[in-house]
């Protein structure tokens, strides 16, 4: 998804990018390696210490910075980032969140959000091939026509 999202963004070396909900920071490492951007790899559920070790292991600690933070209480100053990316679908469930997030992007900057979806709606209990990993919070996933 990170690669797909970058087709819609004008990423250039040296830009400051917030990777919000970065998980294990693999998308952050990808963004730095492919585009030469500086990335703040920010997540609440994954350890910044473990992400920091992963970042050091691949030798990009001078450009990818692990941050442990809640998306609703970000520790950054206004207009700090050129671009914000998020590959997590949770933020779309809060009508007011985009206004909060937008303050961290410089004028003329971009916010790119991509998330998983379905090819077709699931109207009843999920199909057998999905049961091993499907959790109740995934019922918020929908198809494009939805």
Protein backbone atom coordinates (compact mmCIF):
# COMPACT_ATOMS: atom_id res chain seq x y z
CA UNK A 1 0.00 0.00 0.00
CA UNK A 2 2.86 2.40 0.73
CA UNK A 3 4.21 2.03 -2.78
CA UNK A 4 0.77 2.50 -4.30
CA UNK A 5 0.14 5.63 -2.23
CA UNK A 6 3.40 7.24 -3.34
CA UNK A 7 2.11 7.47 -6.93
CA UNK A 8 -0.27 10.17 -5.68
CA UNK A 9 2.38 12.11 -3.72
CA UNK A 10 5.22 14.36 -4.86
CA UNK A 11 7.95 13.08 -2.53
CA UNK A 12 11.38 14.67 -2.86
CA UNK A 13 14.66 14.18 -0.99
CA UNK A 14 14.87 16.04 2.30
CA UNK A 15 11.12 16.39 2.80
CA UNK A 16 9.74 15.78 6.29
CA UNK A 17 7.18 12.98 6.32
CA UNK A 18 4.99 11.76 9.15
CA UNK A 19 4.23 8.04 8.78
CA UNK A 20 1.26 7.84 11.10
CA UNK A 21 0.41 4.38 12.39
CA UNK A 22 3.66 3.01 10.94
CA UNK A 23 3.46 -0.33 12.77
CA UNK A 24 6.91 -1.89 12.61
CA UNK A 25 8.30 1.07 10.61
CA UNK A 26 8.75 -0.89 7.39
CA UNK A 27 6.76 1.70 5.44
CA UNK A 28 8.92 4.44 6.99
CA UNK A 29 12.11 2.68 5.94
CA UNK A 30 10.67 2.15 2.45
CA UNK A 31 9.79 5.86 2.08
CA UNK A 32 13.26 6.96 3.10
CA UNK A 33 15.08 4.44 0.89
CA UNK A 34 12.95 5.09 -2.19
CA UNK A 35 12.57 8.87 -1.97
CA UNK A 36 15.31 10.18 0.35
CA UNK A 37 12.78 11.76 2.71
CA UNK A 38 13.14 12.15 6.47
CA UNK A 39 10.45 10.10 8.21
CA UNK A 40 8.96 10.27 11.69
CA UNK A 41 7.79 6.66 12.19
CA UNK A 42 4.94 7.20 14.64
CA UNK A 43 2.83 4.51 16.28
CA UNK A 44 0.99 3.88 19.52
CA UNK A 45 0.82 0.09 19.51
CA UNK A 46 4.38 -0.77 18.47
CA UNK A 47 7.43 0.00 20.57
CA UNK A 48 9.55 2.95 19.50
CA UNK A 49 12.56 1.14 21.00
CA UNK A 50 11.97 -1.93 18.82
CA UNK A 51 11.34 0.25 15.77
CA UNK A 52 14.53 2.15 16.59
CA UNK A 53 16.49 -1.08 16.61
CA UNK A 54 14.93 -2.15 13.31
CA UNK A 55 15.81 1.25 11.84
CA UNK A 56 19.42 0.99 13.09
CA UNK A 57 19.70 -2.57 11.76
CA UNK A 58 19.12 -1.28 8.22
CA UNK A 59 21.34 1.78 8.72
CA UNK A 60 18.81 4.61 8.28
CA UNK A 61 18.80 6.02 11.82
CA UNK A 62 19.94 9.43 10.52
CA UNK A 63 16.71 9.82 8.54
CA UNK A 64 14.00 7.64 10.12
CA UNK A 65 12.98 8.58 13.65
CA UNK A 66 10.82 6.29 15.81
CA UNK A 67 8.12 8.00 17.87
CA UNK A 68 5.66 6.47 20.33
CA UNK A 69 2.52 8.62 20.26
CA UNK A 70 -1.25 8.54 20.12
CA UNK A 71 -2.63 9.85 16.82
CA UNK A 72 -4.98 12.12 18.77
CA UNK A 73 -2.17 13.66 20.82
CA UNK A 74 0.76 14.18 18.46
CA UNK A 75 3.94 15.79 19.84
CA UNK A 76 4.78 17.86 16.74
CA UNK A 77 4.60 21.57 16.07
CA UNK A 78 2.14 23.01 13.57
CA UNK A 79 3.24 22.96 9.91
CA UNK A 80 6.23 20.71 10.70
CA UNK A 81 5.67 18.17 7.89
CA UNK A 82 5.65 18.43 4.12
CA UNK A 83 3.63 15.22 3.82
CA UNK A 84 1.65 12.97 6.13
CA UNK A 85 0.97 9.37 5.15
CA UNK A 86 -1.11 6.78 6.92
CA UNK A 87 -1.79 3.21 5.92
CA UNK A 88 -4.29 2.69 8.74
CA UNK A 89 -8.04 2.94 8.25
CA UNK A 90 -9.09 3.91 11.79
CA UNK A 91 -8.85 7.68 11.35
CA UNK A 92 -11.69 7.86 8.85
CA UNK A 93 -14.15 6.98 11.61
CA UNK A 94 -13.77 10.37 13.33
CA UNK A 95 -15.38 13.29 11.48
CA UNK A 96 -13.15 15.84 13.21
CA UNK A 97 -9.78 14.10 12.91
CA UNK A 98 -8.70 15.44 9.51
CA UNK A 99 -8.94 19.03 10.76
CA UNK A 100 -6.71 18.13 13.71
CA UNK A 101 -4.19 16.31 11.52
CA UNK A 102 -4.03 19.01 8.83
CA UNK A 103 -2.48 21.51 11.20
CA UNK A 104 0.78 19.51 11.19
CA UNK A 105 1.23 19.90 7.40
CA UNK A 106 2.86 22.96 5.83
CA UNK A 107 0.71 25.05 3.48
CA UNK A 108 0.70 23.30 0.12
CA UNK A 109 1.63 19.97 1.72
CA UNK A 110 -0.23 16.71 1.29
CA UNK A 111 -1.98 14.11 3.40
CA UNK A 112 -2.20 10.63 1.89
CA UNK A 113 -4.30 7.95 3.56
CA UNK A 114 -4.73 4.45 2.17
CA UNK A 115 -6.31 1.43 3.74
CA UNK A 116 -7.45 -2.06 3.04
CA UNK A 117 -10.88 -2.64 1.57
CA UNK A 118 -13.05 -5.36 0.15
CA UNK A 119 -13.80 -6.29 -3.44
CA UNK A 120 -17.41 -6.99 -2.45
CA UNK A 121 -19.47 -6.50 0.68
CA UNK A 122 -19.74 -9.25 3.27
CA UNK A 123 -23.36 -9.28 4.40
CA UNK A 124 -23.28 -12.18 6.81
CA UNK A 125 -20.65 -14.11 8.75
CA UNK A 126 -17.30 -13.80 7.05
CA UNK A 127 -16.19 -16.40 4.51
CA UNK A 128 -14.29 -19.44 5.71
CA UNK A 129 -10.97 -18.28 4.21
CA UNK A 130 -11.11 -15.10 6.34
CA UNK A 131 -12.10 -16.64 9.71
CA UNK A 132 -8.55 -17.23 10.97
CA UNK A 133 -7.66 -13.55 11.04
CA UNK A 134 -10.98 -11.66 10.97
CA UNK A 135 -11.78 -9.70 14.13
CA UNK A 136 -14.87 -7.62 14.91
CA UNK A 137 -13.06 -4.33 14.29
CA UNK A 138 -12.66 -5.31 10.61
CA UNK A 139 -16.41 -4.94 9.99
CA UNK A 140 -15.60 -1.31 9.18
CA UNK A 141 -13.97 -2.45 5.91
CA UNK A 142 -16.16 -1.93 2.87
CA UNK A 143 -16.06 -2.12 -0.90
CA UNK A 144 -15.68 0.93 -3.16
CA UNK A 145 -19.39 0.90 -4.18
CA UNK A 146 -20.40 0.93 -0.51
